[in-house]
Amino acid sequence: MLSKLKSLFQDRCPDCNEKLHVESDSHRCIKSCPHQHYTEETYHHLNIRIVYRR
């Protein structure tokens, strides 16, 4: 039950359902699929989110 609840808060690729890799610094956060299907860039100070799908 706990693992199911935890999986709801993990970001996953919409194509292959793999867990996304996360890199972040003070200006941005980048989440990307290990197979390069999906990338999401979030710029917190600008309130902008950019999504790339391949």
PDB file of N, CA and C in Angstrom:
ATOM      1  N   MET A   1       0.821  -1.198   0.000  1.00  0.00           N
ATOM      2  CA  MET A   1       0.000   0.000   0.000  1.00  0.00           C
ATOM      3  C   MET A   1       0.868   1.267   0.000  1.00  0.00           C
ATOM      4  N   LEU A   2       1.900   1.265   0.810  1.00  0.00           N
ATOM      5  CA  LEU A   2       2.780   2.420   0.887  1.00  0.00           C
ATOM      6  C   LEU A   2       3.526   2.642  -0.428  1.00  0.00           C
ATOM      7  N   SER A   3       3.931   1.582  -1.081  1.00  0.00           N
ATOM      8  CA  SER A   3       4.629   1.718  -2.362  1.00  0.00           C
ATOM      9  C   SER A   3       3.702   2.291  -3.445  1.00  0.00           C
ATOM     10  N   LYS A   4       2.441   1.923  -3.410  1.00  0.00           N
ATOM     11  CA  LYS A   4       1.468   2.472  -4.358  1.00  0.00           C
ATOM     12  C   LYS A   4       1.280   3.971  -4.135  1.00  0.00           C
ATOM     13  N   LEU A   5       1.214   4.369  -2.894  1.00  0.00           N
ATOM     14  CA  LEU A   5       1.085   5.780  -2.565  1.00  0.00           C
ATOM     15  C   LEU A   5       2.331   6.559  -2.982  1.00  0.00           C
ATOM     16  N   LYS A   6       3.494   5.993  -2.754  1.00  0.00           N
ATOM     17  CA  LYS A   6       4.741   6.641  -3.137  1.00  0.00           C
ATOM     18  C   LYS A   6       4.841   6.797  -4.655  1.00  0.00           C
ATOM     19  N   SER A   7       4.369   5.832  -5.406  1.00  0.00           N
ATOM     20  CA  SER A   7       4.435   5.897  -6.868  1.00  0.00           C
ATOM     21  C   SER A   7       3.573   7.023  -7.445  1.00  0.00           C
ATOM     22  N   LEU A   8       2.581   7.474  -6.727  1.00  0.00           N
ATOM     23  CA  LEU A   8       1.747   8.579  -7.192  1.00  0.00           C
ATOM     24  C   LEU A   8       2.517   9.899  -7.234  1.00  0.00           C
ATOM     25  N   PHE A   9       3.588  10.009  -6.439  1.00  0.00           N
ATOM     26  CA  PHE A   9       4.351  11.249  -6.356  1.00  0.00           C
ATOM     27  C   PHE A   9       5.643  11.221  -7.168  1.00  0.00           C
ATOM     28  N   GLN A  10       5.893  10.148  -7.891  1.00  0.00           N
ATOM     29  CA  GLN A  10       7.074  10.066  -8.743  1.00  0.00           C
ATOM     30  C   GLN A  10       6.704  10.493 -10.156  1.00  0.00           C
ATOM     31  N   ASP A  11       7.591  11.267 -10.749  1.00  0.00           N
ATOM     32  CA  ASP A  11       7.371  11.687 -12.130  1.00  0.00           C
ATOM     33  C   ASP A  11       7.840  10.595 -13.069  1.00  0.00           C
ATOM     34  N   ARG A  12       7.007  10.272 -14.046  1.00  0.00           N
ATOM     35  CA  ARG A  12       7.306   9.207 -14.995  1.00  0.00           C
ATOM     36  C   ARG A  12       7.110   9.697 -16.420  1.00  0.00           C
ATOM     37  N   CYS A  13       7.832   9.076 -17.335  1.00  0.00           N
ATOM     38  CA  CYS A  13       7.701   9.396 -18.751  1.00  0.00           C
ATOM     39  C   CYS A  13       6.317   8.964 -19.240  1.00  0.00           C
ATOM     40  N   PRO A  14       5.604   9.819 -19.970  1.00  0.00           N
ATOM     41  CA  PRO A  14       4.290   9.433 -20.484  1.00  0.00           C
ATOM     42  C   PRO A  14       4.352   8.363 -21.580  1.00  0.00           C
ATOM     43  N   ASP A  15       5.506   8.201 -22.234  1.00  0.00           N
ATOM     44  CA  ASP A  15       5.626   7.216 -23.310  1.00  0.00           C
ATOM     45  C   ASP A  15       6.032   5.827 -22.811  1.00  0.00           C
ATOM     46  N   CYS A  16       7.110   5.784 -22.026  1.00  0.00           N
ATOM     47  CA  CYS A  16       7.637   4.472 -21.621  1.00  0.00           C
ATOM     48  C   CYS A  16       7.435   4.158 -20.138  1.00  0.00           C
ATOM     49  N   ASN A  17       6.931   5.114 -19.373  1.00  0.00           N
ATOM     50  CA  ASN A  17       6.628   4.939 -17.956  1.00  0.00           C
ATOM     51  C   ASN A  17       7.870   4.741 -17.080  1.00  0.00           C
ATOM     52  N   GLU A  18       9.034   5.119 -17.575  1.00  0.00           N
ATOM     53  CA  GLU A  18      10.263   5.073 -16.777  1.00  0.00           C
ATOM     54  C   GLU A  18      10.319   6.274 -15.841  1.00  0.00           C
ATOM     55  N   LYS A  19      10.987   6.122 -14.733  1.00  0.00           N
ATOM     56  CA  LYS A  19      11.166   7.215 -13.795  1.00  0.00           C
ATOM     57  C   LYS A  19      12.054   8.294 -14.424  1.00  0.00           C
ATOM     58  N   LEU A  20      11.658   9.557 -14.285  1.00  0.00           N
ATOM     59  CA  LEU A  20      12.410  10.662 -14.868  1.00  0.00           C
ATOM     60  C   LEU A  20      13.628  11.005 -14.018  1.00  0.00           C
ATOM     61  N   HIS A  21      14.722  11.387 -14.671  1.00  0.00           N
ATOM     62  CA  HIS A  21      15.923  11.859 -13.999  1.00  0.00           C
ATOM     63  C   HIS A  21      15.759  13.350 -13.754  1.00  0.00           C
ATOM     64  N   VAL A  22      16.180  13.795 -12.576  1.00  0.00           N
ATOM     65  CA  VAL A  22      15.981  15.193 -12.199  1.00  0.00           C
ATOM     66  C   VAL A  22      17.319  15.875 -11.943  1.00  0.00           C
ATOM     67  N   GLU A  23      17.480  17.050 -12.540  1.00  0.00           N
ATOM     68  CA  GLU A  23      18.617  17.934 -12.278  1.00  0.00           C
ATOM     69  C   GLU A  23      18.029  19.286 -11.903  1.00  0.00           C
ATOM     70  N   SER A  24      18.589  19.919 -10.888  1.00  0.00           N
ATOM     71  CA  SER A  24      18.071  21.235 -10.534  1.00  0.00           C
ATOM     72  C   SER A  24      19.177  22.122  -9.979  1.00  0.00           C
ATOM     73  N   ASP A  25      18.975  23.397 -10.153  1.00  0.00           N
ATOM     74  CA  ASP A  25      19.830  24.405  -9.550  1.00  0.00           C
ATOM     75  C   ASP A  25      18.924  25.536  -9.084  1.00  0.00           C
ATOM     76  N   SER A  26      19.488  26.668  -8.763  1.00  0.00           N
ATOM     77  CA  SER A  26      18.673  27.755  -8.212  1.00  0.00           C
ATOM     78  C   SER A  26      17.749  28.407  -9.235  1.00  0.00           C
ATOM     79  N   HIS A  27      17.996  28.195 -10.536  1.00  0.00           N
ATOM     80  CA  HIS A  27      17.190  28.848 -11.569  1.00  0.00           C
ATOM     81  C   HIS A  27      16.239  27.918 -12.309  1.00  0.00           C
ATOM     82  N   ARG A  28      16.564  26.647 -12.360  1.00  0.00           N
ATOM     83  CA  ARG A  28      15.715  25.756 -13.154  1.00  0.00           C
ATOM     84  C   ARG A  28      15.746  24.330 -12.614  1.00  0.00           C
ATOM     85  N   CYS A  29      14.777  23.569 -13.083  1.00  0.00           N
ATOM     86  CA  CYS A  29      14.674  22.145 -12.775  1.00  0.00           C
ATOM     87  C   CYS A  29      14.421  21.421 -14.100  1.00  0.00           C
ATOM     88  N   ILE A  30      15.228  20.390 -14.373  1.00  0.00           N
ATOM     89  CA  ILE A  30      15.077  19.638 -15.612  1.00  0.00           C
ATOM     90  C   ILE A  30      14.775  18.183 -15.274  1.00  0.00           C
ATOM     91  N   LYS A  31      13.684  17.693 -15.813  1.00  0.00           N
ATOM     92  CA  LYS A  31      13.290  16.292 -15.652  1.00  0.00           C
ATOM     93  C   LYS A  31      13.336  15.659 -17.029  1.00  0.00           C
ATOM     94  N   SER A  32      14.042  14.534 -17.155  1.00  0.00           N
ATOM     95  CA  SER A  32      14.173  13.920 -18.477  1.00  0.00           C
ATOM     96  C   SER A  32      14.076  12.400 -18.394  1.00  0.00           C
ATOM     97  N   CYS A  33      13.566  11.847 -19.457  1.00  0.00           N
ATOM     98  CA  CYS A  33      13.447  10.396 -19.599  1.00  0.00           C
ATOM     99  C   CYS A  33      14.831   9.823 -19.915  1.00  0.00           C
ATOM    100  N   PRO A  34      15.188   8.676 -19.343  1.00  0.00           N
ATOM    101  CA  PRO A  34      16.481   8.068 -19.660  1.00  0.00           C
ATOM    102  C   PRO A  34      16.601   7.635 -21.123  1.00  0.00           C
ATOM    103  N   HIS A  35      15.469   7.469 -21.809  1.00  0.00           N
ATOM    104  CA  HIS A  35      15.461   7.058 -23.216  1.00  0.00           C
ATOM    105  C   HIS A  35      15.204   8.231 -24.161  1.00  0.00           C
ATOM    106  N   GLN A  36      15.253   9.454 -23.631  1.00  0.00           N
ATOM    107  CA  GLN A  36      15.114  10.694 -24.408  1.00  0.00           C
ATOM    108  C   GLN A  36      13.741  10.876 -25.065  1.00  0.00           C
ATOM    109  N   HIS A  37      12.692  10.299 -24.489  1.00  0.00           N
ATOM    110  CA  HIS A  37      11.341  10.493 -25.020  1.00  0.00           C
ATOM    111  C   HIS A  37      10.730  11.822 -24.583  1.00  0.00           C
ATOM    112  N   TYR A  38      11.105  12.266 -23.398  1.00  0.00           N
ATOM    113  CA  TYR A  38      10.399  13.380 -22.762  1.00  0.00           C
ATOM    114  C   TYR A  38      11.391  14.206 -21.939  1.00  0.00           C
ATOM    115  N   THR A  39      11.289  15.526 -22.031  1.00  0.00           N
ATOM    116  CA  THR A  39      12.082  16.434 -21.204  1.00  0.00           C
ATOM    117  C   THR A  39      11.188  17.589 -20.782  1.00  0.00           C
ATOM    118  N   GLU A  40      11.304  17.951 -19.528  1.00  0.00           N
ATOM    119  CA  GLU A  40      10.521  19.057 -18.983  1.00  0.00           C
ATOM    120  C   GLU A  40      11.470  20.008 -18.263  1.00  0.00           C
ATOM    121  N   GLU A  41      11.454  21.260 -18.652  1.00  0.00           N
ATOM    122  CA  GLU A  41      12.268  22.296 -18.011  1.00  0.00           C
ATOM    123  C   GLU A  41      11.330  23.258 -17.298  1.00  0.00           C
ATOM    124  N   THR A  42      11.637  23.535 -16.039  1.00  0.00           N
ATOM    125  CA  THR A  42      10.837  24.479 -15.270  1.00  0.00           C
ATOM    126  C   THR A  42      11.742  25.587 -14.764  1.00  0.00           C
ATOM    127  N   TYR A  43      11.374  26.819 -15.083  1.00  0.00           N
ATOM    128  CA  TYR A  43      12.092  27.998 -14.621  1.00  0.00           C
ATOM    129  C   TYR A  43      11.221  28.670 -13.563  1.00  0.00           C
ATOM    130  N   HIS A  44      11.549  28.452 -12.305  1.00  0.00           N
ATOM    131  CA  HIS A  44      10.706  28.896 -11.197  1.00  0.00           C
ATOM    132  C   HIS A  44      10.570  30.412 -11.123  1.00  0.00           C
ATOM    133  N   HIS A  45      11.654  31.128 -11.307  1.00  0.00           N
ATOM    134  CA  HIS A  45      11.617  32.588 -11.173  1.00  0.00           C
ATOM    135  C   HIS A  45      10.818  33.261 -12.292  1.00  0.00           C
ATOM    136  N   LEU A  46      10.625  32.577 -13.405  1.00  0.00           N
ATOM    137  CA  LEU A  46       9.834  33.109 -14.511  1.00  0.00           C
ATOM    138  C   LEU A  46       8.433  32.500 -14.602  1.00  0.00           C
ATOM    139  N   ASN A  47       8.182  31.468 -13.801  1.00  0.00           N
ATOM    140  CA  ASN A  47       6.922  30.717 -13.849  1.00  0.00           C
ATOM    141  C   ASN A  47       6.661  30.159 -15.245  1.00  0.00           C
ATOM    142  N   ILE A  48       7.699  29.539 -15.805  1.00  0.00           N
ATOM    143  CA  ILE A  48       7.603  28.959 -17.145  1.00  0.00           C
ATOM    144  C   ILE A  48       7.950  27.477 -17.087  1.00  0.00           C
ATOM    145  N   ARG A  49       7.166  26.687 -17.801  1.00  0.00           N
ATOM    146  CA  ARG A  49       7.437  25.253 -17.932  1.00  0.00           C
ATOM    147  C   ARG A  49       7.456  24.913 -19.411  1.00  0.00           C
ATOM    148  N   ILE A  50       8.542  24.272 -19.866  1.00  0.00           N
ATOM    149  CA  ILE A  50       8.701  23.900 -21.274  1.00  0.00           C
ATOM    150  C   ILE A  50       8.794  22.384 -21.337  1.00  0.00           C
ATOM    151  N   VAL A  51       8.001  21.783 -22.223  1.00  0.00           N
ATOM    152  CA  VAL A  51       7.963  20.331 -22.371  1.00  0.00           C
ATOM    153  C   VAL A  51       8.379  19.966 -23.784  1.00  0.00           C
ATOM    154  N   TYR A  52       9.326  19.041 -23.887  1.00  0.00           N
ATOM    155  CA  TYR A  52       9.787  18.514 -25.178  1.00  0.00           C
ATOM    156  C   TYR A  52       9.394  17.044 -25.254  1.00  0.00           C
ATOM    157  N   ARG A  53       8.754  16.668 -26.340  1.00  0.00           N
ATOM    158  CA  ARG A  53       8.421  15.248 -26.571  1.00  0.00           C
ATOM    159  C   ARG A  53       8.996  14.831 -27.906  1.00  0.00           C
ATOM    160  N   ARG A  54       9.605  13.669 -27.934  1.00  0.00           N
ATOM    161  CA  ARG A  54      10.229  13.174 -29.167  1.00  0.00           C
ATOM    162  C   ARG A  54       9.550  11.943 -29.655  1.00  0.00           C
TER     163      ARG A  54
END
